Amino acid sequence: RNRPRMDGVAWIRALREIASYQRTPILMLTTESSDEMKSQGRAAGATGWMVKPFDPLKLIEVVRKVIG
């Protein structure tokens, strides 16, 4: 679906409504680092949260934990 002006949290919330995506791991890669935004991400269904700029090796480590 086309969702103009949808932020990441809203996108995760919409994706989680689709049965085939309810258990798919979702990592947020964002510039947001506040505890409030992280809480909103978790409530929407984000599996993890990484703040930009990020270390590519750390991203690989997080992905391995999520899918492993």
C-alpha atoms as a PDB file:
ATOM      1  CA  ARG A   1       0.000   0.000   0.000  1.00  0.00           C
ATOM      2  CA  ASN A   2       1.099   3.566  -0.600  1.00  0.00           C
ATOM      3  CA  ARG A   3       1.394   5.347   2.738  1.00  0.00           C
ATOM      4  CA  PRO A   4       2.631   8.920   2.219  1.00  0.00           C
ATOM      5  CA  ARG A   5       4.118  10.674   5.220  1.00  0.00           C
ATOM      6  CA  MET A   6       4.099   7.523   7.354  1.00  0.00           C
ATOM      7  CA  ASP A   7       6.860   7.362   9.935  1.00  0.00           C
ATOM      8  CA  GLY A   8       8.687   4.171  10.874  1.00  0.00           C
ATOM      9  CA  VAL A   9       6.612   3.462  13.961  1.00  0.00           C
ATOM     10  CA  ALA A  10       3.358   3.794  12.023  1.00  0.00           C
ATOM     11  CA  TRP A  11       4.792   1.597   9.255  1.00  0.00           C
ATOM     12  CA  ILE A  12       5.678  -1.142  11.775  1.00  0.00           C
ATOM     13  CA  ARG A  13       2.226  -0.915  13.320  1.00  0.00           C
ATOM     14  CA  ALA A  14       0.613  -1.295   9.870  1.00  0.00           C
ATOM     15  CA  LEU A  15       2.928  -4.153   8.915  1.00  0.00           C
ATOM     16  CA  ARG A  16       2.160  -6.031  12.133  1.00  0.00           C
ATOM     17  CA  GLU A  17      -1.533  -5.980  11.184  1.00  0.00           C
ATOM     18  CA  ILE A  18      -0.717  -8.270   8.242  1.00  0.00           C
ATOM     19  CA  ALA A  19      -0.787 -11.876   9.446  1.00  0.00           C
ATOM     20  CA  SER A  20       2.270 -12.968   7.466  1.00  0.00           C
ATOM     21  CA  TYR A  21       4.395 -10.242   9.130  1.00  0.00           C
ATOM     22  CA  GLN A  22       3.332 -10.699  12.730  1.00  0.00           C
ATOM     23  CA  ARG A  23       6.440 -12.717  13.603  1.00  0.00           C
ATOM     24  CA  THR A  24       8.941 -11.193  11.170  1.00  0.00           C
ATOM     25  CA  PRO A  25      11.836  -9.519  13.021  1.00  0.00           C
ATOM     26  CA  ILE A  26      11.946  -5.764  12.441  1.00  0.00           C
ATOM     27  CA  LEU A  27      14.954  -3.642  13.394  1.00  0.00           C
ATOM     28  CA  MET A  28      14.524   0.123  13.381  1.00  0.00           C
ATOM     29  CA  LEU A  29      17.501   2.080  12.066  1.00  0.00           C
ATOM     30  CA  THR A  30      16.854   5.702  12.959  1.00  0.00           C
ATOM     31  CA  THR A  31      18.236   8.991  14.208  1.00  0.00           C
ATOM     32  CA  GLU A  32      15.786   8.895  17.131  1.00  0.00           C
ATOM     33  CA  SER A  33      17.369   7.921  20.419  1.00  0.00           C
ATOM     34  CA  SER A  34      14.871   9.017  23.066  1.00  0.00           C
ATOM     35  CA  ASP A  35      13.461   6.457  25.463  1.00  0.00           C
ATOM     36  CA  GLU A  36       9.962   7.622  24.482  1.00  0.00           C
ATOM     37  CA  MET A  37      10.552   6.832  20.795  1.00  0.00           C
ATOM     38  CA  LYS A  38      12.118   3.463  21.649  1.00  0.00           C
ATOM     39  CA  SER A  39       9.087   2.672  23.786  1.00  0.00           C
ATOM     40  CA  GLN A  40       6.754   3.603  20.910  1.00  0.00           C
ATOM     41  CA  GLY A  41       8.780   1.378  18.582  1.00  0.00           C
ATOM     42  CA  ARG A  42       8.544  -1.591  20.949  1.00  0.00           C
ATOM     43  CA  ALA A  43       4.822  -1.020  21.437  1.00  0.00           C
ATOM     44  CA  ALA A  44       4.364  -0.953  17.646  1.00  0.00           C
ATOM     45  CA  GLY A  45       6.172  -4.267  17.317  1.00  0.00           C
ATOM     46  CA  ALA A  46       9.817  -3.433  16.598  1.00  0.00           C
ATOM     47  CA  THR A  47      12.149  -6.275  17.504  1.00  0.00           C
ATOM     48  CA  GLY A  48      15.152  -3.992  17.976  1.00  0.00           C
ATOM     49  CA  TRP A  49      16.359  -0.414  17.654  1.00  0.00           C
ATOM     50  CA  MET A  50      19.632   1.008  16.342  1.00  0.00           C
ATOM     51  CA  VAL A  51      20.546   4.678  16.255  1.00  0.00           C
ATOM     52  CA  LYS A  52      22.413   6.280  13.333  1.00  0.00           C
ATOM     53  CA  PRO A  53      25.235   6.635  12.801  1.00  0.00           C
ATOM     54  CA  PHE A  54      25.869   2.985  13.479  1.00  0.00           C
ATOM     55  CA  ASP A  55      28.759   0.552  13.333  1.00  0.00           C
ATOM     56  CA  PRO A  56      28.188  -1.969  10.515  1.00  0.00           C
ATOM     57  CA  LEU A  57      29.713  -4.744  12.630  1.00  0.00           C
ATOM     58  CA  LYS A  58      27.272  -3.962  15.420  1.00  0.00           C
ATOM     59  CA  LEU A  59      24.395  -4.165  12.916  1.00  0.00           C
ATOM     60  CA  ILE A  60      25.562  -7.610  11.814  1.00  0.00           C
ATOM     61  CA  GLU A  61      25.795  -8.682  15.463  1.00  0.00           C
ATOM     62  CA  VAL A  62      22.249  -7.484  16.183  1.00  0.00           C
ATOM     63  CA  VAL A  63      20.854  -9.169  13.058  1.00  0.00           C
ATOM     64  CA  ARG A  64      22.514 -12.450  14.040  1.00  0.00           C
ATOM     65  CA  LYS A  65      20.935 -12.246  17.500  1.00  0.00           C
ATOM     66  CA  VAL A  66      17.497 -11.546  16.053  1.00  0.00           C
ATOM     67  CA  ILE A  67      17.512 -14.320  13.452  1.00  0.00           C
ATOM     68  CA  GLY A  68      19.632 -16.800  15.385  1.00  0.00           C
END
